[in-house]
Amino acid sequence: MLNSVRRYAKLILFDSRYFWWLASFVILGDFLFSQLIIRFVPYTEIDWETYMVQTDVYLKGELDYSRITGPTGPLVYPAGHLHIHWLLHAVTDAGANIPLAQQVYGVVYIASLALTCTIYRLAGGVPNWVLLLLPLSKRLHSIFLLRLFNDCWAVMFVQAAVVAYQTGYDDIGTLLFSAALSVKMSILLYLPALLVLLFMRNGLLATFRHIITLVASNALLALPFLEEDYWAYLRSAFDLSRVFLYKWTVNWRMVGEDTFLSSQWANGLLLGHVSCLAAFGLFIWCREHGGVWMVLRRGLTKPDHPAGYARVTPDYVATIFFTSNLIGIIFARSLHYQFYSWYAQQIPFLAWRTRYPTVAKIALIAGIEYSWNVFPSTYLSSTVLLIANTLLLAGIWTGYPNGVL
């Protein structure tokens, strides 16, 4: 009897044929756990009231983005955010029905978890038992279920986009990517990987078509605001120069406030971000396709043909998307606590794209989780976060940066 239990446990934890058995258990278990959190852990008001007040302003007829404000400030998200919260405003009695709003976000959380499991399964290369790590994040549950941040919607849409790209439904993927970008401009962190993927798999002309689709679909969602005052909309929804307050940052606490807020520091981080992306683009992401110059040559001489000649695998798609996102997170001047949702479910996947021993992978995951649960952040927690994120990226570089399969 004991031997049979051990045998079945081993199959479920390690045999990929039983992946969805364990994934189903994790999803169901986390659903029940989420219900307990909603029922017994107090809700914390941060931005939900502001989202609802801003929606009220919009519903009263205001289309000038610069005039749509709430208790914590002006509206600084693209139009998709406003459309989603218009629907939530309607079903939650103008935001007053918090328990119902939490249930909606609970559905978003479980959808995000299911999409994460799907990404892992399509990519492969991660033991089944790693799924057991996904429900363990205290901070992630808080972001979705107790704070109701809009980041949750952007994360869910971009995960769905990754699944679509993994399965070859690129047009659907681009529409889902556009939906994610219409909620929060942080989705731009994935854009370098998206361009590489589209160029490799579809060629130059098709890449332009996808980019036009991306821009046009976002413009369609924002059309009333663009017609009212296009500059006010673009300046508010896609403000790349926005400076976050030092007191709320999770990262770079160790550099001091004066340095943190300086333009020199911002420019240095931007240079680091671009340089790191360029290094992966030049030396890593095109390696299996003959190198970057061969890829560019094929793409430019035959713009209506794929620029890559090797198969673009689901593993490759997930790995370069998540790596591009991680690079952006490392070099972000400020990370607020809700920003953990941007990559929390990707960390175990990326840890298994390194060659580190399992104990080191677990230590990196634990170090990152620790850093995001220290409030307010400290010199130590920020330093641990930077070291862990950097080691994770370095491990990907020296490990399996294009996937393990």
Protein backbone atom coordinates (compact mmCIF):
# COMPACT_ATOMS: atom_id res chain seq x y z
CA MET A 1 0.00 0.00 0.00
CA LEU A 2 2.74 2.42 1.02
CA ASN A 3 4.73 1.57 -2.10
CA SER A 4 1.69 2.28 -4.30
CA VAL A 5 1.17 5.67 -2.64
CA ARG A 6 4.82 6.54 -3.20
CA ARG A 7 4.63 5.43 -6.82
CA TYR A 8 1.53 7.51 -7.55
CA ALA A 9 2.94 10.49 -5.69
CA LYS A 10 6.11 10.26 -7.77
CA LEU A 11 4.09 10.10 -11.00
CA ILE A 12 1.97 13.12 -10.08
CA LEU A 13 4.95 15.19 -8.92
CA PHE A 14 7.39 14.35 -11.71
CA ASP A 15 5.70 12.71 -14.72
CA SER A 16 4.55 15.30 -17.26
CA ARG A 17 1.65 13.05 -18.26
CA TYR A 18 0.11 13.83 -14.88
CA PHE A 19 0.76 17.56 -15.05
CA TRP A 20 -2.90 18.55 -15.21
CA TRP A 21 -3.78 16.26 -12.31
CA LEU A 22 -1.54 18.29 -10.04
CA ALA A 23 -2.41 21.58 -11.77
CA SER A 24 -6.11 20.92 -11.19
CA PHE A 25 -5.43 20.22 -7.53
CA VAL A 26 -3.42 23.45 -7.22
CA ILE A 27 -6.08 25.55 -8.97
CA LEU A 28 -8.94 24.08 -6.93
CA GLY A 29 -6.98 24.36 -3.69
CA ASP A 30 -6.06 27.97 -4.37
CA PHE A 31 -9.67 28.76 -5.25
CA LEU A 32 -10.77 27.51 -1.83
CA PHE A 33 -7.88 29.31 -0.15
CA SER A 34 -8.82 32.53 -1.95
CA GLN A 35 -12.38 32.24 -0.67
CA LEU A 36 -11.06 31.93 2.88
CA ILE A 37 -8.91 35.04 2.38
CA ILE A 38 -11.86 37.05 1.08
CA ARG A 39 -14.04 35.83 3.96
CA PHE A 40 -11.66 36.24 6.89
CA VAL A 41 -8.88 38.73 5.97
CA PRO A 42 -9.86 42.43 6.10
CA TYR A 43 -9.99 44.31 2.81
CA THR A 44 -7.53 47.22 2.52
CA GLU A 45 -8.54 50.37 0.63
CA ILE A 46 -5.77 51.79 -1.54
CA ASP A 47 -6.79 52.58 -5.13
CA TRP A 48 -10.25 51.03 -5.58
CA GLU A 49 -12.08 54.16 -4.38
CA THR A 50 -10.00 56.27 -6.73
CA TYR A 51 -10.81 53.99 -9.67
CA MET A 52 -14.53 54.35 -8.90
CA VAL A 53 -14.42 58.14 -8.43
CA GLN A 54 -12.51 58.53 -11.69
CA THR A 55 -15.14 56.36 -13.38
CA ASP A 56 -17.84 58.61 -11.92
CA VAL A 57 -16.14 61.63 -13.48
CA TYR A 58 -16.03 59.86 -16.85
CA LEU A 59 -19.69 58.80 -16.63
CA LYS A 60 -20.67 62.41 -16.01
CA GLY A 61 -19.32 63.22 -19.47
CA GLU A 62 -15.71 64.28 -18.88
CA LEU A 63 -13.49 63.19 -21.79
CA ASP A 64 -10.43 65.34 -21.09
CA TYR A 65 -8.07 62.87 -19.44
CA SER A 66 -6.26 65.59 -17.53
CA ARG A 67 -9.50 66.40 -15.70
CA ILE A 68 -10.39 62.86 -14.63
CA THR A 69 -9.13 62.64 -11.06
CA GLY A 70 -9.81 60.82 -7.79
CA PRO A 71 -8.76 60.86 -4.12
CA THR A 72 -5.20 59.68 -4.83
CA GLY A 73 -4.64 61.72 -7.99
CA PRO A 74 -5.35 61.94 -11.72
CA LEU A 75 -6.10 59.05 -14.06
CA VAL A 76 -2.75 57.75 -15.33
CA TYR A 77 -3.79 54.53 -17.07
CA PRO A 78 -4.86 53.87 -20.67
CA ALA A 79 -8.50 53.71 -21.74
CA GLY A 80 -8.89 49.95 -21.31
CA HIS A 81 -8.53 50.46 -17.56
CA LEU A 82 -11.40 52.93 -17.60
CA HIS A 83 -13.65 50.64 -19.66
CA ILE A 84 -13.05 47.71 -17.28
CA HIS A 85 -13.81 49.84 -14.24
CA TRP A 86 -16.91 51.24 -15.92
CA LEU A 87 -18.21 47.65 -16.00
CA LEU A 88 -17.10 47.05 -12.42
CA HIS A 89 -18.72 50.35 -11.41
CA ALA A 90 -22.00 49.08 -12.88
CA VAL A 91 -22.02 45.66 -11.21
CA THR A 92 -20.70 46.71 -7.76
CA ASP A 93 -23.10 49.59 -7.07
CA ALA A 94 -20.53 52.28 -7.95
CA GLY A 95 -17.85 50.38 -6.03
CA ALA A 96 -19.80 50.10 -2.78
CA ASN A 97 -20.19 46.32 -2.99
CA ILE A 98 -16.61 45.42 -2.07
CA PRO A 99 -17.29 41.68 -1.47
CA LEU A 100 -18.62 41.33 -5.01
CA ALA A 101 -15.61 43.22 -6.38
CA GLN A 102 -13.35 40.84 -4.46
CA GLN A 103 -15.15 37.86 -6.00
CA VAL A 104 -14.57 39.33 -9.47
CA TYR A 105 -10.89 39.74 -8.69
CA GLY A 106 -10.89 36.23 -7.28
CA VAL A 107 -12.02 34.98 -10.70
CA VAL A 108 -9.25 37.05 -12.32
CA TYR A 109 -6.71 35.53 -9.92
CA ILE A 110 -7.80 31.94 -10.62
CA ALA A 111 -7.83 32.67 -14.37
CA SER A 112 -4.29 34.02 -14.03
CA LEU A 113 -3.21 30.90 -12.15
CA ALA A 114 -4.81 28.62 -14.77
CA LEU A 115 -3.10 30.56 -17.58
CA THR A 116 0.22 30.26 -15.75
CA CYS A 117 -0.21 26.49 -15.53
CA THR A 118 -1.04 26.41 -19.23
CA ILE A 119 2.11 28.37 -20.08
CA TYR A 120 4.21 26.00 -17.99
CA ARG A 121 2.65 22.94 -19.61
CA LEU A 122 3.05 24.19 -23.17
CA ALA A 123 6.67 25.16 -22.54
CA GLY A 124 7.71 22.11 -20.53
CA GLY A 125 11.02 21.84 -18.77
CA VAL A 126 9.61 22.46 -15.28
CA PRO A 127 8.85 19.58 -12.88
CA ASN A 128 5.19 19.19 -11.98
CA TRP A 129 5.88 19.77 -8.27
CA VAL A 130 6.97 23.35 -8.96
CA LEU A 131 3.28 24.20 -9.41
CA LEU A 132 2.94 23.75 -5.64
CA LEU A 133 5.02 26.92 -5.23
CA LEU A 134 2.55 29.11 -7.14
CA PRO A 135 -0.11 29.51 -4.41
CA LEU A 136 2.44 30.30 -1.67
CA SER A 137 2.84 34.04 -2.27
CA LYS A 138 1.22 36.11 0.48
CA ARG A 139 1.82 39.34 -1.41
CA LEU A 140 0.28 38.11 -4.66
CA HIS A 141 -2.95 37.06 -2.95
CA SER A 142 -3.06 40.45 -1.28
CA ILE A 143 -2.66 42.32 -4.58
CA PHE A 144 -5.50 40.44 -6.24
CA LEU A 145 -7.95 39.78 -3.42
CA LEU A 146 -7.44 42.47 -0.78
CA ARG A 147 -6.23 45.52 -2.75
CA LEU A 148 -7.99 45.13 -6.13
CA PHE A 149 -5.23 46.71 -8.19
CA ASN A 150 -5.68 47.17 -11.93
CA ASP A 151 -2.35 45.40 -12.52
CA CYS A 152 -4.27 42.14 -12.11
CA TRP A 153 -6.20 42.68 -15.33
CA ALA A 154 -3.09 43.56 -17.32
CA VAL A 155 -1.33 40.44 -16.01
CA MET A 156 -4.24 38.16 -16.94
CA PHE A 157 -4.50 39.57 -20.47
CA VAL A 158 -0.77 39.34 -21.15
CA GLN A 159 -0.68 35.75 -19.87
CA ALA A 160 -3.51 34.90 -22.27
CA ALA A 161 -1.50 36.58 -25.03
CA VAL A 162 1.54 34.42 -24.23
CA VAL A 163 -0.62 31.28 -24.46
CA ALA A 164 -1.95 32.44 -27.84
CA TYR A 165 1.58 33.10 -29.14
CA GLN A 166 2.75 29.74 -27.79
CA THR A 167 0.01 27.94 -29.73
CA GLY A 168 0.57 29.89 -32.95
CA TYR A 169 -2.52 32.12 -32.78
CA ASP A 170 -0.50 35.28 -33.31
CA ASP A 171 -3.39 37.52 -34.39
CA ILE A 172 -5.36 36.64 -31.26
CA GLY A 173 -2.19 37.06 -29.22
CA THR A 174 -1.70 40.59 -30.51
CA LEU A 175 -5.29 41.54 -29.66
CA LEU A 176 -4.84 40.15 -26.14
CA PHE A 177 -1.49 41.92 -25.83
CA SER A 178 -3.24 45.12 -26.91
CA ALA A 179 -5.91 44.55 -24.25
CA ALA A 180 -3.18 44.22 -21.61
CA LEU A 181 -1.44 47.36 -22.82
CA SER A 182 -4.75 49.25 -22.75
CA VAL A 183 -4.87 48.64 -18.99
CA LYS A 184 -1.30 49.52 -18.04
CA MET A 185 1.71 50.68 -20.01
CA SER A 186 4.01 48.38 -18.00
CA ILE A 187 3.14 45.77 -20.65
CA LEU A 188 5.63 47.62 -22.89
CA LEU A 189 8.32 45.70 -21.00
CA TYR A 190 7.38 42.68 -23.13
CA LEU A 191 7.57 44.60 -26.40
CA PRO A 192 11.20 43.71 -27.30
CA ALA A 193 10.41 40.00 -27.01
CA LEU A 194 7.20 40.45 -28.98
CA LEU A 195 9.06 42.13 -31.84
CA VAL A 196 11.66 39.34 -31.88
CA LEU A 197 8.94 36.68 -31.94
CA LEU A 198 6.89 38.31 -34.70
CA PHE A 199 9.95 39.00 -36.84
CA MET A 200 11.24 35.44 -36.44
CA ARG A 201 7.94 33.70 -37.09
CA ASN A 202 6.15 36.03 -39.51
CA GLY A 203 8.70 38.30 -41.16
CA LEU A 204 9.06 42.07 -41.49
CA LEU A 205 5.80 42.92 -43.24
CA ALA A 206 3.66 40.84 -40.90
CA THR A 207 5.44 42.39 -37.93
CA PHE A 208 4.45 45.84 -39.16
CA ARG A 209 0.87 44.60 -39.52
CA HIS A 210 0.83 43.37 -35.93
CA ILE A 211 2.24 46.65 -34.65
CA ILE A 212 -0.39 48.58 -36.61
CA THR A 213 -3.06 46.32 -35.09
CA LEU A 214 -1.64 46.98 -31.63
CA VAL A 215 -1.66 50.75 -32.07
CA ALA A 216 -5.00 50.90 -33.89
CA SER A 217 -6.86 48.76 -31.33
CA ASN A 218 -5.55 50.89 -28.48
CA ALA A 219 -6.50 54.04 -30.37
CA LEU A 220 -10.01 52.66 -30.95
CA LEU A 221 -10.51 52.12 -27.21
CA ALA A 222 -9.27 55.65 -26.54
CA LEU A 223 -11.00 57.33 -29.48
CA PRO A 224 -13.35 59.63 -27.49
CA PHE A 225 -10.45 60.86 -25.36
CA LEU A 226 -8.15 61.30 -28.35
CA GLU A 227 -10.81 63.34 -30.13
CA GLU A 228 -11.32 65.52 -27.05
CA ASP A 229 -7.61 66.19 -26.37
CA TYR A 230 -5.14 63.67 -27.75
CA TRP A 231 -2.17 65.23 -25.98
CA ALA A 232 -3.88 65.16 -22.58
CA TYR A 233 -4.65 61.46 -23.12
CA LEU A 234 -1.16 60.45 -24.27
CA ARG A 235 0.55 62.50 -21.57
CA SER A 236 -1.60 60.89 -18.86
CA ALA A 237 -1.92 57.30 -20.07
CA PHE A 238 1.63 56.82 -21.39
CA ASP A 239 3.77 59.16 -19.31
CA LEU A 240 7.23 57.62 -19.65
CA SER A 241 8.78 60.39 -17.52
CA ARG A 242 6.59 59.75 -14.49
CA VAL A 243 8.56 59.74 -11.20
CA PHE A 244 7.25 57.65 -8.33
CA LEU A 245 7.73 58.62 -4.70
CA TYR A 246 10.83 57.19 -3.03
CA LYS A 247 8.94 56.23 0.13
CA TRP A 248 6.84 53.60 -1.70
CA THR A 249 9.56 51.92 -3.71
CA VAL A 250 10.50 48.28 -3.12
CA ASN A 251 13.69 48.44 -5.18
CA TRP A 252 16.77 50.68 -5.11
CA ARG A 253 16.14 51.72 -1.50
CA MET A 254 19.88 51.42 -0.94
CA VAL A 255 20.84 54.34 -3.22
CA GLY A 256 19.31 57.16 -1.18
CA GLU A 257 16.49 59.53 -2.09
CA ASP A 258 18.56 62.24 -3.79
CA THR A 259 20.18 59.75 -6.14
CA PHE A 260 16.90 57.88 -6.66
CA LEU A 261 15.10 61.02 -7.86
CA SER A 262 17.94 62.38 -10.01
CA SER A 263 17.78 62.45 -13.79
CA GLN A 264 21.28 61.00 -13.94
CA TRP A 265 20.11 57.89 -12.10
CA ALA A 266 17.08 57.56 -14.38
CA ASN A 267 19.27 57.87 -17.48
CA GLY A 268 21.73 55.32 -16.10
CA LEU A 269 18.97 52.79 -15.49
CA LEU A 270 17.58 53.40 -18.97
CA LEU A 271 21.03 52.81 -20.45
CA GLY A 272 21.35 49.61 -18.45
CA HIS A 273 17.93 48.45 -19.57
CA VAL A 274 18.62 49.07 -23.25
CA SER A 275 22.11 47.56 -23.04
CA CYS A 276 20.85 44.38 -21.39
CA LEU A 277 18.09 43.95 -23.95
CA ALA A 278 20.59 44.57 -26.74
CA ALA A 279 22.91 41.91 -25.30
CA PHE A 280 20.15 39.30 -25.25
CA GLY A 281 19.00 40.36 -28.72
CA LEU A 282 22.47 40.30 -30.26
CA PHE A 283 23.97 37.25 -28.60
CA ILE A 284 21.19 35.05 -27.24
CA TRP A 285 17.70 35.23 -28.71
CA CYS A 286 18.82 34.77 -32.35
CA ARG A 287 21.48 32.17 -31.64
CA GLU A 288 19.42 29.17 -32.72
CA HIS A 289 18.54 30.94 -35.98
CA GLY A 290 22.09 31.57 -37.21
CA GLY A 291 22.77 34.74 -35.26
CA VAL A 292 21.28 38.21 -35.34
CA TRP A 293 22.88 39.27 -38.62
CA MET A 294 21.59 36.23 -40.47
CA VAL A 295 18.12 36.83 -39.02
CA LEU A 296 18.19 40.49 -40.08
CA ARG A 297 19.47 39.57 -43.53
CA ARG A 298 16.70 37.03 -44.11
CA GLY A 299 14.08 39.39 -42.73
CA LEU A 300 15.14 42.36 -44.86
CA THR A 301 15.80 40.51 -48.13
CA LYS A 302 12.55 38.51 -47.92
CA PRO A 303 10.23 40.73 -45.87
CA ASP A 304 7.19 38.54 -46.52
CA HIS A 305 8.89 35.39 -45.15
CA PRO A 306 9.82 34.37 -41.58
CA ALA A 307 13.24 35.69 -40.58
CA GLY A 308 14.06 32.63 -38.49
CA TYR A 309 14.64 29.19 -39.88
CA ALA A 310 14.40 27.12 -36.69
CA ARG A 311 10.99 26.33 -35.22
CA VAL A 312 9.78 28.92 -32.72
CA THR A 313 8.76 26.68 -29.82
CA PRO A 314 6.26 27.42 -27.03
CA ASP A 315 9.20 27.20 -24.63
CA TYR A 316 11.11 29.86 -26.58
CA VAL A 317 8.08 32.15 -26.59
CA ALA A 318 7.54 31.98 -22.83
CA THR A 319 11.24 32.22 -22.01
CA ILE A 320 11.99 35.35 -24.05
CA PHE A 321 8.77 37.08 -22.97
CA PHE A 322 9.43 36.47 -19.30
CA THR A 323 13.11 37.38 -19.64
CA SER A 324 12.29 40.68 -21.35
CA ASN A 325 9.88 41.46 -18.53
CA LEU A 326 12.46 40.57 -15.87
CA ILE A 327 15.05 42.86 -17.46
CA GLY A 328 12.58 45.73 -17.33
CA ILE A 329 11.78 45.03 -13.69
CA ILE A 330 15.45 44.97 -12.68
CA PHE A 331 16.09 48.37 -14.24
CA ALA A 332 12.82 50.02 -13.20
CA ARG A 333 13.56 53.11 -11.11
CA SER A 334 10.65 52.37 -8.80
CA LEU A 335 8.63 49.26 -8.07
CA HIS A 336 5.50 49.58 -5.95
CA TYR A 337 4.19 46.57 -4.05
CA GLN A 338 1.44 45.81 -6.58
CA PHE A 339 4.09 45.54 -9.29
CA TYR A 340 5.07 42.16 -7.87
CA SER A 341 2.11 40.77 -9.80
CA TRP A 342 3.97 41.61 -13.00
CA TYR A 343 6.28 38.62 -12.57
CA ALA A 344 5.48 36.68 -9.40
CA GLN A 345 4.08 33.67 -11.28
CA GLN A 346 6.94 33.76 -13.78
CA ILE A 347 9.74 33.44 -11.22
CA PRO A 348 9.62 29.63 -10.76
CA PHE A 349 9.53 29.18 -14.55
CA LEU A 350 12.58 31.42 -14.99
CA ALA A 351 14.39 29.71 -12.11
CA TRP A 352 14.13 26.47 -14.09
CA ARG A 353 15.71 28.20 -17.07
CA THR A 354 18.93 28.42 -15.06
CA ARG A 355 21.46 25.66 -14.39
CA TYR A 356 21.50 26.37 -10.65
CA PRO A 357 20.95 23.43 -8.29
CA THR A 358 17.39 23.08 -7.03
CA VAL A 359 18.25 24.42 -3.59
CA ALA A 360 19.63 27.62 -5.17
CA LYS A 361 16.51 28.00 -7.32
CA ILE A 362 14.29 27.72 -4.25
CA ALA A 363 16.52 30.20 -2.40
CA LEU A 364 16.13 32.76 -5.22
CA ILE A 365 12.36 32.35 -5.23
CA ALA A 366 12.24 32.69 -1.44
CA GLY A 367 14.55 35.73 -1.47
CA ILE A 368 12.37 37.55 -3.98
CA GLU A 369 9.19 36.70 -2.07
CA TYR A 370 10.80 37.89 1.18
CA SER A 371 11.76 41.23 -0.37
CA TRP A 372 8.23 41.93 -1.57
CA ASN A 373 6.76 41.18 1.86
CA VAL A 374 8.88 43.66 3.83
CA PHE A 375 6.88 46.85 4.39
CA PRO A 376 8.18 49.45 4.20
CA SER A 377 11.17 48.28 2.19
CA THR A 378 14.59 48.50 3.78
CA TYR A 379 18.20 48.70 2.67
CA LEU A 380 18.40 44.92 3.26
CA SER A 381 15.17 43.94 1.49
CA SER A 382 15.99 46.05 -1.56
CA THR A 383 19.51 44.64 -1.70
CA VAL A 384 18.20 41.07 -1.47
CA LEU A 385 15.71 41.80 -4.25
CA LEU A 386 18.37 43.26 -6.54
CA ILE A 387 20.79 40.40 -5.92
CA ALA A 388 18.13 37.73 -6.39
CA ASN A 389 16.71 39.27 -9.59
CA THR A 390 20.21 39.79 -11.00
CA LEU A 391 21.30 36.23 -10.18
CA LEU A 392 18.12 34.96 -11.80
CA LEU A 393 18.85 36.89 -15.00
CA ALA A 394 22.51 35.83 -15.00
CA GLY A 395 21.42 32.22 -14.52
CA ILE A 396 19.10 32.47 -17.51
CA TRP A 397 21.95 33.90 -19.64
CA THR A 398 24.24 30.99 -18.74
CA GLY A 399 21.45 28.44 -18.64
CA TYR A 400 18.60 28.02 -21.10
CA PRO A 401 17.79 31.52 -22.39
CA ASN A 402 15.97 30.14 -25.46
CA GLY A 403 14.17 27.36 -23.62
CA VAL A 404 15.26 23.91 -22.55
CA LEU A 405 13.62 21.88 -25.32
